[in-house]
Amino acid sequence: MGPDHAGLHGMSEMRFFCFGLGFTGLVVARHLRARGWFVGGTCRSKEKAERLQAEGIDAHIFSGDGPILALDGITHLLVSIAPSDEGDLVLRHHWDNLGDNSGALVRVIYLSTTAVYGDRSGEWTDENALVNPRSKRARFRVDAEEMWRAWTGRHTIPLDILRLSGIYGPGRSPLDKLRTGTARRIIKADHVFNRIHVDDIAVITTALLEAGHPGAVYNLADDEPAPPQDVVTYAAKLLGLTPPDEEEFESAELSVMARSFYGESKRICNDRIKKRLGIFLLHPTYREGLAAILEAEKALAETR
């Protein structure tokens, strides 16, 4: 982790805001709040906003159809909203007024995806690799990255772009799919990809916010790219369940999106987060990550 943020800026000045308090953004927000930060952000419903406000998060509704007026004094911004064919929704509505933030904003972090690299035929891929998006959603991400580079460059604010591998965590993992009977073991030769536990995303994001490094691109991935069927098999072992039957990719019934996922294979290199930030992953492979989720579930059940 980086140095204590109180020593860098003073506790009262650290005001974090996240556009998109979804699965990942909310874990980051709660992690920072536990460390003493002021935390605010957006969600899409009144009911969720009220729940978040009850736990001390300054939540506001943002549906992408107009700007919000809750950014005054914010020092650190995280963008966790997916772009669309209309571009980045945050900049679409805040390009001009986000900079009128009393000069307080000192850092922006944009959550992107390793899908921007396209298919690498299983090769190791670091942050120096050229982007080569194949899917529509990956092209939208590349465009959004460029929009944020332009905006932060205009305002001379450091920008970190975090390219995330497949995100998993409590409530969103093969464990859950096995329990609901929706897990599948699709077999495609030489298909591998990385994952990243949501808690590791929170730790890495916090390190960037608190350490004050110059802005850069970082790959957020675990240490072991693996075939998806191996992960399902291991999750089934943890639960004491029989894994689902194997299905050959060529004959499997898949949605267009799912089939496109199997069209890309890459091994993501995460050396930069280790060398620049001194990060040691809490969950270096899917095995530690899935086991930790199960242990947390058991501990929670024992308290009820």
Protein backbone atom coordinates (compact mmCIF):
# COMPACT_ATOMS: atom_id res chain seq x y z
CA MET A 1 0.00 0.00 0.00
CA GLY A 2 1.01 3.61 -0.39
CA PRO A 3 1.71 6.05 2.47
CA ASP A 4 -1.05 7.08 4.82
CA HIS A 5 -3.32 9.54 3.07
CA ALA A 6 -3.68 11.74 6.14
CA GLY A 7 -0.01 12.57 5.83
CA LEU A 8 -0.39 13.49 2.17
CA HIS A 9 -3.38 15.80 2.09
CA GLY A 10 -4.95 16.01 5.52
CA MET A 11 -7.96 13.90 6.36
CA SER A 12 -10.53 16.66 5.95
CA GLU A 13 -9.52 17.25 2.34
CA MET A 14 -9.90 13.70 1.07
CA ARG A 15 -13.29 13.66 -0.66
CA PHE A 16 -13.97 10.72 -2.94
CA PHE A 17 -16.78 10.44 -5.47
CA CYS A 18 -17.64 7.44 -7.62
CA PHE A 19 -19.79 7.59 -10.71
CA GLY A 20 -21.39 4.15 -10.63
CA LEU A 21 -21.78 2.58 -7.18
CA GLY A 22 -22.35 -0.86 -8.62
CA PHE A 23 -20.64 -4.14 -7.77
CA THR A 24 -17.09 -2.79 -8.05
CA GLY A 25 -17.59 0.90 -7.29
CA LEU A 26 -19.43 0.18 -4.06
CA VAL A 27 -16.70 -2.14 -2.75
CA VAL A 28 -14.11 0.58 -3.44
CA ALA A 29 -16.32 3.21 -1.77
CA ARG A 30 -16.83 1.12 1.36
CA HIS A 31 -13.13 0.34 1.53
CA LEU A 32 -12.27 4.05 1.46
CA ARG A 33 -14.98 4.98 3.93
CA ALA A 34 -13.54 2.45 6.39
CA ARG A 35 -10.23 4.31 6.04
CA GLY A 36 -11.81 7.64 6.98
CA TRP A 37 -12.55 9.19 3.61
CA PHE A 38 -15.62 11.24 2.79
CA VAL A 39 -17.37 9.07 0.20
CA GLY A 40 -20.06 9.98 -2.31
CA GLY A 41 -21.28 8.56 -5.58
CA THR A 42 -24.13 7.77 -7.91
CA CYS A 43 -26.66 5.03 -8.38
CA ARG A 44 -29.77 4.69 -10.53
CA SER A 45 -32.63 4.31 -8.08
CA LYS A 46 -34.07 6.24 -5.17
CA GLU A 47 -34.29 3.08 -3.06
CA LYS A 48 -30.58 2.28 -3.44
CA ALA A 49 -29.63 5.91 -2.81
CA GLU A 50 -31.54 5.82 0.47
CA ARG A 51 -29.85 2.58 1.53
CA LEU A 52 -26.41 3.98 0.77
CA GLN A 53 -27.14 7.25 2.56
CA ALA A 54 -28.16 5.23 5.63
CA GLU A 55 -24.68 3.71 5.75
CA GLY A 56 -22.97 7.09 5.41
CA ILE A 57 -22.39 7.31 1.66
CA ASP A 58 -23.47 10.58 0.02
CA ALA A 59 -25.46 8.89 -2.76
CA HIS A 60 -27.11 10.69 -5.69
CA ILE A 61 -29.22 9.45 -8.58
CA PHE A 62 -27.59 9.65 -12.02
CA SER A 63 -29.33 8.06 -14.95
CA GLY A 64 -27.23 9.57 -17.73
CA ASP A 65 -29.85 12.04 -18.90
CA GLY A 66 -28.44 15.14 -17.23
CA PRO A 67 -25.68 16.39 -14.91
CA ILE A 68 -25.67 16.12 -11.13
CA LEU A 69 -24.78 18.96 -8.78
CA ALA A 70 -22.90 17.14 -6.05
CA LEU A 71 -19.26 17.49 -7.08
CA ASP A 72 -18.14 20.66 -5.32
CA GLY A 73 -15.01 20.02 -3.29
CA ILE A 74 -14.47 16.48 -4.57
CA THR A 75 -10.74 15.69 -4.65
CA HIS A 76 -10.66 12.17 -6.09
CA LEU A 77 -12.96 10.81 -8.79
CA LEU A 78 -13.59 7.20 -9.82
CA VAL A 79 -15.56 6.45 -13.00
CA SER A 80 -17.17 3.02 -12.99
CA ILE A 81 -19.97 3.53 -15.52
CA ALA A 82 -19.77 1.68 -18.82
CA PRO A 83 -19.79 3.85 -21.95
CA SER A 84 -22.28 3.45 -24.77
CA ASP A 85 -22.49 4.38 -28.43
CA GLU A 86 -23.11 7.91 -27.16
CA GLY A 87 -19.70 7.97 -25.48
CA ASP A 88 -18.82 8.30 -21.83
CA LEU A 89 -21.96 9.33 -19.94
CA VAL A 90 -20.09 11.22 -17.23
CA LEU A 91 -18.20 13.47 -19.64
CA ARG A 92 -21.21 13.77 -21.90
CA HIS A 93 -23.02 15.65 -19.13
CA HIS A 94 -20.09 17.08 -17.13
CA TRP A 95 -17.43 18.03 -19.69
CA ASP A 96 -17.70 21.71 -18.85
CA ASN A 97 -18.86 21.75 -15.22
CA LEU A 98 -16.66 18.95 -13.84
CA GLY A 99 -13.70 21.31 -14.10
CA ASP A 100 -15.55 23.99 -12.15
CA ASN A 101 -14.99 21.96 -9.01
CA SER A 102 -13.37 24.74 -6.95
CA GLY A 103 -10.01 23.53 -8.26
CA ALA A 104 -10.23 20.68 -5.74
CA LEU A 105 -10.03 17.70 -8.09
CA VAL A 106 -6.53 16.20 -8.01
CA ARG A 107 -6.97 12.71 -9.45
CA VAL A 108 -9.23 10.73 -11.77
CA ILE A 109 -9.35 6.94 -12.05
CA TYR A 110 -11.19 5.36 -14.96
CA LEU A 111 -12.19 1.69 -14.82
CA SER A 112 -11.70 0.10 -18.24
CA THR A 113 -11.25 -3.49 -19.38
CA THR A 114 -8.54 -5.78 -20.72
CA ALA A 115 -10.92 -6.44 -23.62
CA VAL A 116 -9.39 -3.35 -25.27
CA TYR A 117 -6.40 -5.54 -26.20
CA GLY A 118 -8.56 -7.83 -28.31
CA ASP A 119 -7.47 -11.36 -29.09
CA ARG A 120 -3.80 -12.06 -28.30
CA SER A 121 -3.84 -15.79 -29.13
CA GLY A 122 -2.90 -16.61 -25.56
CA GLU A 123 0.17 -14.34 -25.50
CA TRP A 124 1.29 -12.43 -22.42
CA THR A 125 0.05 -8.85 -22.67
CA ASP A 126 1.26 -5.84 -20.72
CA GLU A 127 0.26 -2.17 -20.71
CA ASN A 128 2.59 -1.37 -23.61
CA ALA A 129 0.57 -3.53 -26.00
CA LEU A 130 -1.43 -1.70 -28.63
CA VAL A 131 -5.17 -1.73 -28.15
CA ASN A 132 -7.03 -3.74 -30.75
CA PRO A 133 -10.68 -3.94 -29.68
CA ARG A 134 -12.80 -6.50 -31.50
CA SER A 135 -16.15 -6.15 -29.77
CA LYS A 136 -18.41 -3.12 -29.78
CA ARG A 137 -18.20 -2.72 -26.01
CA ALA A 138 -14.40 -2.82 -26.14
CA ARG A 139 -14.35 -0.13 -28.83
CA PHE A 140 -16.58 2.02 -26.62
CA ARG A 141 -14.03 1.58 -23.81
CA VAL A 142 -11.14 2.67 -26.01
CA ASP A 143 -13.10 5.76 -27.02
CA ALA A 144 -13.93 6.52 -23.38
CA GLU A 145 -10.27 6.14 -22.37
CA GLU A 146 -9.36 8.73 -25.00
CA MET A 147 -12.10 11.09 -23.84
CA TRP A 148 -10.79 10.98 -20.29
CA ARG A 149 -7.22 11.51 -21.48
CA ALA A 150 -8.40 14.59 -23.35
CA TRP A 151 -10.37 15.97 -20.41
CA THR A 152 -7.71 15.36 -17.75
CA GLY A 153 -5.02 16.69 -20.10
CA ARG A 154 -7.02 19.87 -20.58
CA HIS A 155 -7.24 20.35 -16.80
CA THR A 156 -3.74 18.99 -15.97
CA ILE A 157 -5.12 16.33 -13.65
CA PRO A 158 -3.42 12.91 -13.31
CA LEU A 159 -5.43 10.06 -14.84
CA ASP A 160 -5.11 6.39 -14.01
CA ILE A 161 -6.75 3.91 -16.38
CA LEU A 162 -7.32 0.54 -14.75
CA ARG A 163 -7.90 -2.22 -17.28
CA LEU A 164 -9.77 -4.91 -15.40
CA SER A 165 -9.81 -8.63 -16.10
CA GLY A 166 -12.89 -10.72 -15.33
CA ILE A 167 -14.28 -9.36 -12.05
CA TYR A 168 -15.54 -11.76 -9.38
CA GLY A 169 -16.32 -11.60 -5.69
CA PRO A 170 -19.01 -12.38 -3.11
CA GLY A 171 -22.32 -12.88 -4.84
CA ARG A 172 -20.73 -12.91 -8.29
CA SER A 173 -18.60 -16.00 -8.85
CA PRO A 174 -18.79 -19.58 -10.14
CA LEU A 175 -19.89 -20.57 -6.63
CA ASP A 176 -23.15 -18.70 -7.17
CA LYS A 177 -23.67 -20.13 -10.64
CA LEU A 178 -23.15 -23.66 -9.38
CA ARG A 179 -25.75 -23.11 -6.67
CA THR A 180 -28.29 -21.82 -9.16
CA GLY A 181 -27.51 -24.50 -11.72
CA THR A 182 -26.34 -22.01 -14.36
CA ALA A 183 -22.63 -22.88 -14.33
CA ARG A 184 -21.27 -24.40 -17.53
CA ARG A 185 -17.95 -25.95 -18.54
CA ILE A 186 -17.43 -24.88 -22.12
CA ILE A 187 -14.28 -26.40 -23.58
CA LYS A 188 -12.33 -24.51 -26.20
CA ALA A 189 -8.72 -25.46 -26.87
CA ASP A 190 -6.11 -22.96 -25.67
CA HIS A 191 -8.70 -20.48 -24.35
CA VAL A 192 -7.44 -18.73 -21.20
CA PHE A 193 -8.04 -15.43 -19.46
CA ASN A 194 -7.37 -13.72 -16.13
CA ARG A 195 -9.62 -12.72 -13.30
CA ILE A 196 -9.44 -10.12 -10.52
CA HIS A 197 -11.17 -10.28 -7.16
CA VAL A 198 -13.17 -7.16 -6.36
CA ASP A 199 -11.32 -6.74 -3.04
CA ASP A 200 -8.02 -6.54 -4.93
CA ILE A 201 -9.52 -3.83 -7.14
CA ALA A 202 -10.37 -1.87 -3.98
CA VAL A 203 -6.88 -2.27 -2.53
CA ILE A 204 -5.15 -1.24 -5.77
CA THR A 205 -7.46 1.73 -6.30
CA THR A 206 -6.82 2.89 -2.75
CA ALA A 207 -3.07 2.60 -3.25
CA LEU A 208 -3.29 4.82 -6.32
CA LEU A 209 -5.47 7.38 -4.59
CA GLU A 210 -3.24 7.60 -1.55
CA ALA A 211 0.26 7.25 -2.99
CA GLY A 212 0.22 10.16 -5.43
CA HIS A 213 1.99 8.41 -8.32
CA PRO A 214 1.85 10.04 -11.77
CA GLY A 215 -1.12 8.86 -13.79
CA ALA A 216 -0.64 5.67 -15.82
CA VAL A 217 -2.36 2.63 -17.31
CA TYR A 218 -2.48 -0.46 -15.10
CA ASN A 219 -3.59 -3.99 -15.83
CA LEU A 220 -5.57 -5.41 -12.91
CA ALA A 221 -5.35 -9.17 -13.16
CA ASP A 222 -4.46 -12.15 -11.02
CA ASP A 223 -1.27 -14.17 -11.40
CA GLU A 224 -2.71 -17.19 -13.18
CA PRO A 225 -4.60 -17.00 -16.48
CA ALA A 226 -6.67 -20.16 -16.70
CA PRO A 227 -9.36 -21.88 -18.78
CA PRO A 228 -12.83 -21.05 -17.42
CA GLN A 229 -13.76 -24.71 -17.06
CA ASP A 230 -10.92 -25.21 -14.58
CA VAL A 231 -12.35 -22.48 -12.36
CA VAL A 232 -15.80 -24.04 -12.39
CA THR A 233 -14.32 -27.45 -11.56
CA TYR A 234 -12.43 -26.01 -8.59
CA ALA A 235 -15.50 -24.13 -7.34
CA ALA A 236 -17.52 -27.35 -7.51
CA LYS A 237 -14.85 -29.13 -5.46
CA LEU A 238 -15.05 -26.43 -2.78
CA LEU A 239 -18.82 -26.86 -2.58
CA GLY A 240 -18.68 -30.65 -2.67
CA LEU A 241 -20.72 -30.69 -5.87
CA THR A 242 -20.35 -32.64 -9.08
CA PRO A 243 -19.21 -30.19 -11.78
CA PRO A 244 -21.46 -29.77 -14.81
CA ASP A 245 -20.74 -31.87 -17.85
CA GLU A 246 -18.20 -30.56 -20.33
CA GLU A 247 -19.55 -29.00 -23.53
CA GLU A 248 -17.56 -28.50 -26.69
CA PHE A 249 -17.47 -24.87 -27.75
CA GLU A 250 -18.25 -25.63 -31.39
CA SER A 251 -21.57 -27.30 -30.58
CA ALA A 252 -22.57 -25.39 -27.43
CA GLU A 253 -25.61 -23.11 -27.53
CA LEU A 254 -24.30 -19.66 -26.61
CA SER A 255 -25.49 -16.09 -26.88
CA VAL A 256 -23.71 -13.75 -29.27
CA MET A 257 -22.00 -12.05 -26.32
CA ALA A 258 -20.90 -15.33 -24.74
CA ARG A 259 -19.56 -16.63 -28.06
CA SER A 260 -17.58 -13.42 -28.58
CA PHE A 261 -16.00 -13.94 -25.15
CA TYR A 262 -14.56 -17.24 -26.34
CA GLY A 263 -13.18 -15.49 -29.41
CA GLU A 264 -10.44 -13.83 -27.36
CA SER A 265 -7.62 -15.49 -25.45
CA LYS A 266 -4.89 -13.63 -23.60
CA ARG A 267 -2.58 -13.82 -20.62
CA ILE A 268 -2.51 -10.49 -18.80
CA CYS A 269 0.74 -9.33 -17.22
CA ASN A 270 0.25 -7.55 -13.87
CA ASP A 271 3.88 -6.65 -13.16
CA ARG A 272 3.25 -2.90 -13.18
CA ILE A 273 0.97 -2.89 -10.14
CA LYS A 274 3.56 -4.92 -8.25
CA LYS A 275 6.65 -2.94 -9.24
CA ARG A 276 5.21 0.59 -9.13
CA LEU A 277 2.74 0.23 -6.28
CA GLY A 278 4.30 -2.57 -4.26
CA ILE A 279 1.03 -4.48 -4.44
CA PHE A 280 0.76 -8.07 -3.28
CA LEU A 281 -2.59 -9.47 -4.33
CA LEU A 282 -4.91 -10.71 -1.62
CA HIS A 283 -6.08 -13.38 -4.05
CA PRO A 284 -3.25 -14.18 -6.49
CA THR A 285 -5.25 -16.94 -8.21
CA TYR A 286 -8.87 -18.00 -8.47
CA ARG A 287 -8.21 -20.71 -5.88
CA GLU A 288 -7.46 -18.26 -3.07
CA GLY A 289 -10.24 -15.96 -4.24
CA LEU A 290 -12.97 -18.61 -4.30
CA ALA A 291 -11.83 -20.11 -1.00
CA ALA A 292 -11.93 -16.66 0.63
CA ILE A 293 -15.48 -16.06 -0.63
CA LEU A 294 -16.62 -19.38 0.82
CA GLU A 295 -14.92 -18.73 4.16
CA ALA A 296 -16.52 -15.29 4.39
CA GLU A 297 -19.93 -16.84 3.70
CA LYS A 298 -19.41 -19.39 6.47
CA ALA A 299 -18.28 -16.71 8.93
CA LEU A 300 -21.32 -14.58 8.14
CA ALA A 301 -23.65 -17.55 8.59
CA GLU A 302 -22.16 -18.25 12.03
CA THR A 303 -22.99 -14.72 13.20
CA ARG A 304 -26.68 -15.05 12.36
